[in-house]
């Protein structure tokens, strides 16, 4: 079982080895086909043209592209927080409604039926035009089944936009208030001004003691389990 002393020791080690991981603003090109109906602008002759904006971080893959497109549309509509709330509400509601969850996953459902269902749901829930139009695009392109993954990537963008950094801290027991305060202060010092640590605690008895800190692409494993494994390899 981890003790306060071991946790405090791990926090001290953590503060020495970790360095700030700044999030640089990167250019993202939004293709007009993806931006259809919710983020396009007229070209010189009334046709669609590619829009160019800045997003707080670059995401890749299909879900990353859709999340980035929604982010840009929400920023343009000045409704970023509202869109985030609506998208997360839809994801949570789908988890509590097996029939609707299956409906989103079923590719056999015709596109027109999917679109009608989404329009009806958005009207009843009084969702914003940005959210509704985005969900319609997903329905038309058979991408509703990815809405939960898209929502996760979208939250990554909104957190980066607000200067928040998600930090996962794994320990054997919940951090005592004093150690939790020390950890947050250490993280804040590391991240610097303009960034805010959003700490998520996880309990995992298998690490035996110490702690594991994860954020961005960095993992700092200061658990007793890992130290014991390192010692075993050294002795071998």
Protein backbone atom coordinates (compact mmCIF):
# COMPACT_ATOMS: atom_id res chain seq x y z
CA UNK A 1 0.00 0.00 0.00
CA UNK A 2 1.35 3.44 -0.94
CA UNK A 3 2.17 5.81 1.88
CA UNK A 4 2.03 9.59 1.91
CA UNK A 5 5.83 9.58 2.09
CA UNK A 6 6.17 7.48 -1.06
CA UNK A 7 3.72 9.67 -2.93
CA UNK A 8 5.55 12.80 -1.79
CA UNK A 9 8.85 11.27 -2.93
CA UNK A 10 7.37 10.47 -6.33
CA UNK A 11 6.04 14.01 -6.64
CA UNK A 12 9.51 15.37 -5.92
CA UNK A 13 11.03 13.11 -8.57
CA UNK A 14 8.30 14.05 -11.02
CA UNK A 15 9.00 17.77 -10.63
CA UNK A 16 12.67 17.19 -11.48
CA UNK A 17 12.34 15.02 -14.60
CA UNK A 18 9.36 16.55 -16.37
CA UNK A 19 9.51 19.57 -18.66
CA UNK A 20 6.77 21.82 -20.06
CA UNK A 21 4.97 20.46 -23.09
CA UNK A 22 3.73 23.52 -24.96
CA UNK A 23 0.85 23.26 -27.43
CA UNK A 24 1.67 25.20 -30.56
CA UNK A 25 -1.07 26.60 -32.77
CA UNK A 26 -1.03 24.83 -36.10
CA UNK A 27 -2.61 25.57 -39.46
CA UNK A 28 -5.42 23.28 -40.52
CA UNK A 29 -6.98 23.13 -44.00
CA UNK A 30 -10.71 22.46 -44.03
CA UNK A 31 -11.80 20.73 -47.24
CA UNK A 32 -15.09 22.06 -48.67
CA UNK A 33 -16.65 18.59 -48.97
CA UNK A 34 -16.21 18.02 -45.23
CA UNK A 35 -17.40 21.53 -44.42
CA UNK A 36 -20.60 21.16 -46.44
CA UNK A 37 -23.63 22.82 -44.85
CA UNK A 38 -21.91 24.17 -41.78
CA UNK A 39 -18.53 25.73 -42.48
CA UNK A 40 -18.23 26.75 -46.11
CA UNK A 41 -17.82 30.10 -47.75
CA UNK A 42 -18.60 31.18 -51.31
CA UNK A 43 -15.82 31.32 -53.83
CA UNK A 44 -15.28 34.05 -56.38
CA UNK A 45 -17.99 32.63 -58.64
CA UNK A 46 -20.40 31.47 -55.97
CA UNK A 47 -18.87 28.00 -55.63
CA UNK A 48 -17.32 26.43 -52.57
CA UNK A 49 -13.72 27.15 -51.75
CA UNK A 50 -11.30 25.78 -49.17
CA UNK A 51 -11.32 27.66 -45.87
CA UNK A 52 -8.16 28.21 -43.87
CA UNK A 53 -8.23 28.77 -40.11
CA UNK A 54 -6.12 28.12 -37.08
CA UNK A 55 -6.91 25.38 -34.57
CA UNK A 56 -5.08 24.95 -31.24
CA UNK A 57 -3.67 21.55 -32.22
CA UNK A 58 -3.56 19.30 -35.26
CA UNK A 59 -5.61 16.09 -35.18
CA UNK A 60 -5.29 13.35 -37.75
CA UNK A 61 -7.46 10.53 -39.04
CA UNK A 62 -11.15 10.58 -39.90
CA UNK A 63 -12.43 11.42 -36.43
CA UNK A 64 -9.78 14.10 -36.05
CA UNK A 65 -10.81 15.72 -39.33
CA UNK A 66 -14.49 15.79 -38.37
CA UNK A 67 -13.71 17.11 -34.88
CA UNK A 68 -11.53 19.86 -36.36
CA UNK A 69 -14.24 20.80 -38.85
CA UNK A 70 -16.81 21.09 -36.07
CA UNK A 71 -14.41 23.13 -33.94
CA UNK A 72 -13.86 25.62 -36.74
CA UNK A 73 -17.59 25.89 -37.41
CA UNK A 74 -18.35 26.39 -33.71
CA UNK A 75 -15.69 29.09 -33.36
CA UNK A 76 -17.03 30.83 -36.45
CA UNK A 77 -20.55 30.74 -34.94
CA UNK A 78 -19.24 31.88 -31.54
CA UNK A 79 -20.88 28.86 -29.91
CA UNK A 80 -17.98 26.65 -28.90
CA UNK A 81 -19.15 25.86 -25.36
CA UNK A 82 -22.74 25.29 -26.45
CA UNK A 83 -21.72 22.90 -29.23
CA UNK A 84 -19.44 20.98 -26.85
CA UNK A 85 -22.27 20.60 -24.31
CA UNK A 86 -24.75 19.47 -26.97
CA UNK A 87 -22.36 16.94 -28.49
CA UNK A 88 -21.49 15.41 -25.11
CA UNK A 89 -25.17 15.34 -24.13
CA UNK A 90 -25.98 13.39 -27.29
CA UNK A 91 -23.21 10.87 -26.60
CA UNK A 92 -24.37 10.34 -23.01
CA UNK A 93 -28.00 10.04 -24.09
CA UNK A 94 -27.12 7.41 -26.70
CA UNK A 95 -25.43 5.31 -24.00
CA UNK A 96 -28.68 5.30 -22.02
CA UNK A 97 -30.80 4.47 -25.09
CA UNK A 98 -29.80 1.12 -26.62
CA UNK A 99 -32.22 1.48 -29.54
CA UNK A 100 -30.84 4.85 -30.59
CA UNK A 101 -27.28 3.60 -30.04
CA UNK A 102 -27.94 0.68 -32.38
CA UNK A 103 -29.62 3.05 -34.85
CA UNK A 104 -26.44 5.14 -35.10
CA UNK A 105 -24.30 2.05 -35.68
CA UNK A 106 -26.58 0.35 -38.23
CA UNK A 107 -25.37 1.05 -41.80
CA UNK A 108 -28.49 -0.66 -43.19
CA UNK A 109 -30.61 2.35 -42.19
CA UNK A 110 -31.19 4.54 -45.31
CA UNK A 111 -29.54 7.96 -45.24
CA UNK A 112 -32.85 9.85 -45.53
CA UNK A 113 -34.21 8.09 -42.44
CA UNK A 114 -31.03 8.86 -40.49
CA UNK A 115 -31.20 12.51 -41.49
CA UNK A 116 -34.89 12.81 -40.56
CA UNK A 117 -34.26 11.20 -37.18
CA UNK A 118 -31.36 13.56 -36.46
CA UNK A 119 -33.41 16.61 -37.46
CA UNK A 120 -36.26 15.50 -35.19
CA UNK A 121 -33.93 14.86 -32.25
CA UNK A 122 -32.13 18.18 -32.66
CA UNK A 123 -35.45 20.04 -32.90
CA UNK A 124 -36.75 18.43 -29.70
CA UNK A 125 -33.47 19.02 -27.86
CA UNK A 126 -33.27 22.59 -29.26
CA UNK A 127 -29.72 22.07 -30.45
CA UNK A 128 -27.88 24.88 -32.19
CA UNK A 129 -27.76 25.05 -35.98
CA UNK A 130 -24.06 24.26 -35.91
CA UNK A 131 -24.55 21.02 -33.98
CA UNK A 132 -27.62 20.01 -35.98
CA UNK A 133 -25.98 20.62 -39.35
CA UNK A 134 -22.87 18.75 -38.27
CA UNK A 135 -24.87 15.71 -37.14
CA UNK A 136 -26.77 15.80 -40.43
CA UNK A 137 -23.44 15.65 -42.28
CA UNK A 138 -22.46 12.62 -40.17
CA UNK A 139 -25.82 10.99 -40.96
CA UNK A 140 -25.43 11.62 -44.68
CA UNK A 141 -21.88 10.26 -44.73
CA UNK A 142 -22.61 7.16 -42.59
CA UNK A 143 -20.42 8.50 -39.79
CA UNK A 144 -22.91 8.66 -36.91
CA UNK A 145 -21.36 5.49 -35.53
CA UNK A 146 -18.20 7.47 -34.81
CA UNK A 147 -19.88 10.33 -32.94
CA UNK A 148 -18.50 9.25 -29.53
CA UNK A 149 -14.92 9.18 -30.87
CA UNK A 150 -15.42 12.50 -32.64
CA UNK A 151 -16.71 13.99 -29.39
CA UNK A 152 -13.55 12.86 -27.57
CA UNK A 153 -11.34 14.50 -30.19
CA UNK A 154 -13.49 17.64 -30.12
CA UNK A 155 -12.97 17.91 -26.35
CA UNK A 156 -9.21 17.70 -26.94
CA UNK A 157 -9.50 20.77 -29.15
CA UNK A 158 -11.69 22.75 -26.75
CA UNK A 159 -9.34 21.97 -23.87
CA UNK A 160 -6.34 23.12 -25.90
CA UNK A 161 -8.27 26.23 -26.90
CA UNK A 162 -8.90 27.05 -23.22
CA UNK A 163 -5.32 26.24 -22.25
CA UNK A 164 -6.36 23.13 -20.33
CA UNK A 165 -4.12 20.07 -20.25
CA UNK A 166 -5.61 16.71 -19.28
CA UNK A 167 -3.40 14.93 -16.75
CA UNK A 168 -4.09 11.34 -15.65
CA UNK A 169 -2.57 10.42 -12.30
CA UNK A 170 -2.61 6.76 -11.29
CA UNK A 171 -2.00 5.76 -7.67
CA UNK A 172 -2.73 2.82 -5.38
CA UNK A 173 -4.99 4.88 -3.11
CA UNK A 174 -6.68 8.27 -3.60
CA UNK A 175 -4.21 11.10 -3.12
CA UNK A 176 -4.53 12.72 0.32
CA UNK A 177 -5.63 16.39 0.04
CA UNK A 178 -2.14 17.67 0.86
CA UNK A 179 -0.47 15.50 -1.80
CA UNK A 180 -3.15 16.35 -4.35
CA UNK A 181 -2.54 20.05 -3.72
CA UNK A 182 1.23 19.55 -4.09
CA UNK A 183 0.71 17.68 -7.36
CA UNK A 184 -1.51 20.39 -8.85
CA UNK A 185 0.94 23.11 -7.84
CA UNK A 186 3.82 21.15 -9.36
CA UNK A 187 1.89 20.62 -12.59
CA UNK A 188 0.98 24.28 -12.76
CA UNK A 189 4.62 25.30 -12.33
CA UNK A 190 5.59 22.92 -15.12
CA UNK A 191 2.87 23.99 -17.54
CA UNK A 192 3.47 27.67 -16.92
CA UNK A 193 1.17 30.64 -17.39
CA UNK A 194 -1.69 30.28 -19.82
CA UNK A 195 -2.11 26.55 -19.13
CA UNK A 196 -4.29 24.81 -16.56
CA UNK A 197 -3.92 21.20 -15.45
CA UNK A 198 -7.17 19.22 -15.49
CA UNK A 199 -6.32 16.28 -13.23
CA UNK A 200 -8.09 12.93 -13.48
CA UNK A 201 -7.21 10.41 -10.75
CA UNK A 202 -7.21 6.66 -11.34
CA UNK A 203 -6.76 3.90 -8.80
CA UNK A 204 -4.70 0.84 -9.74
CA UNK A 205 -3.45 -1.40 -6.90
CA UNK A 206 -1.24 -3.33 -9.34
CA UNK A 207 1.34 -0.51 -9.47
CA UNK A 208 2.09 -1.30 -5.77
CA UNK A 209 2.92 2.29 -4.84
CA UNK A 210 4.23 5.60 -6.13
CA UNK A 211 2.40 7.14 -9.07
CA UNK A 212 2.15 7.30 -12.85
CA UNK A 213 1.55 10.67 -14.51
CA UNK A 214 0.34 10.94 -18.12
CA UNK A 215 -0.33 13.99 -20.25
CA UNK A 216 0.01 14.68 -23.93
CA UNK A 217 2.35 12.06 -25.34
CA UNK A 218 4.36 11.85 -22.11
CA UNK A 219 4.21 9.13 -19.47
CA UNK A 220 6.21 9.43 -16.25
CA UNK A 221 6.12 6.10 -14.46
CA UNK A 222 7.36 6.41 -10.89
CA UNK A 223 5.53 3.37 -9.57
CA UNK A 224 7.07 0.79 -7.24
CA UNK A 225 6.09 -1.94 -9.72
CA UNK A 226 8.18 -0.37 -12.51
CA UNK A 227 11.12 0.26 -10.19
CA UNK A 228 11.02 -3.39 -9.07
CA UNK A 229 10.97 -4.57 -12.69
CA UNK A 230 13.93 -2.33 -13.47
CA UNK A 231 15.81 -3.79 -10.53
CA UNK A 232 15.01 -7.33 -11.68
CA UNK A 233 16.42 -6.57 -15.14
CA UNK A 234 19.52 -5.02 -13.56
CA UNK A 235 20.12 -8.08 -11.37
CA UNK A 236 19.57 -10.41 -14.31
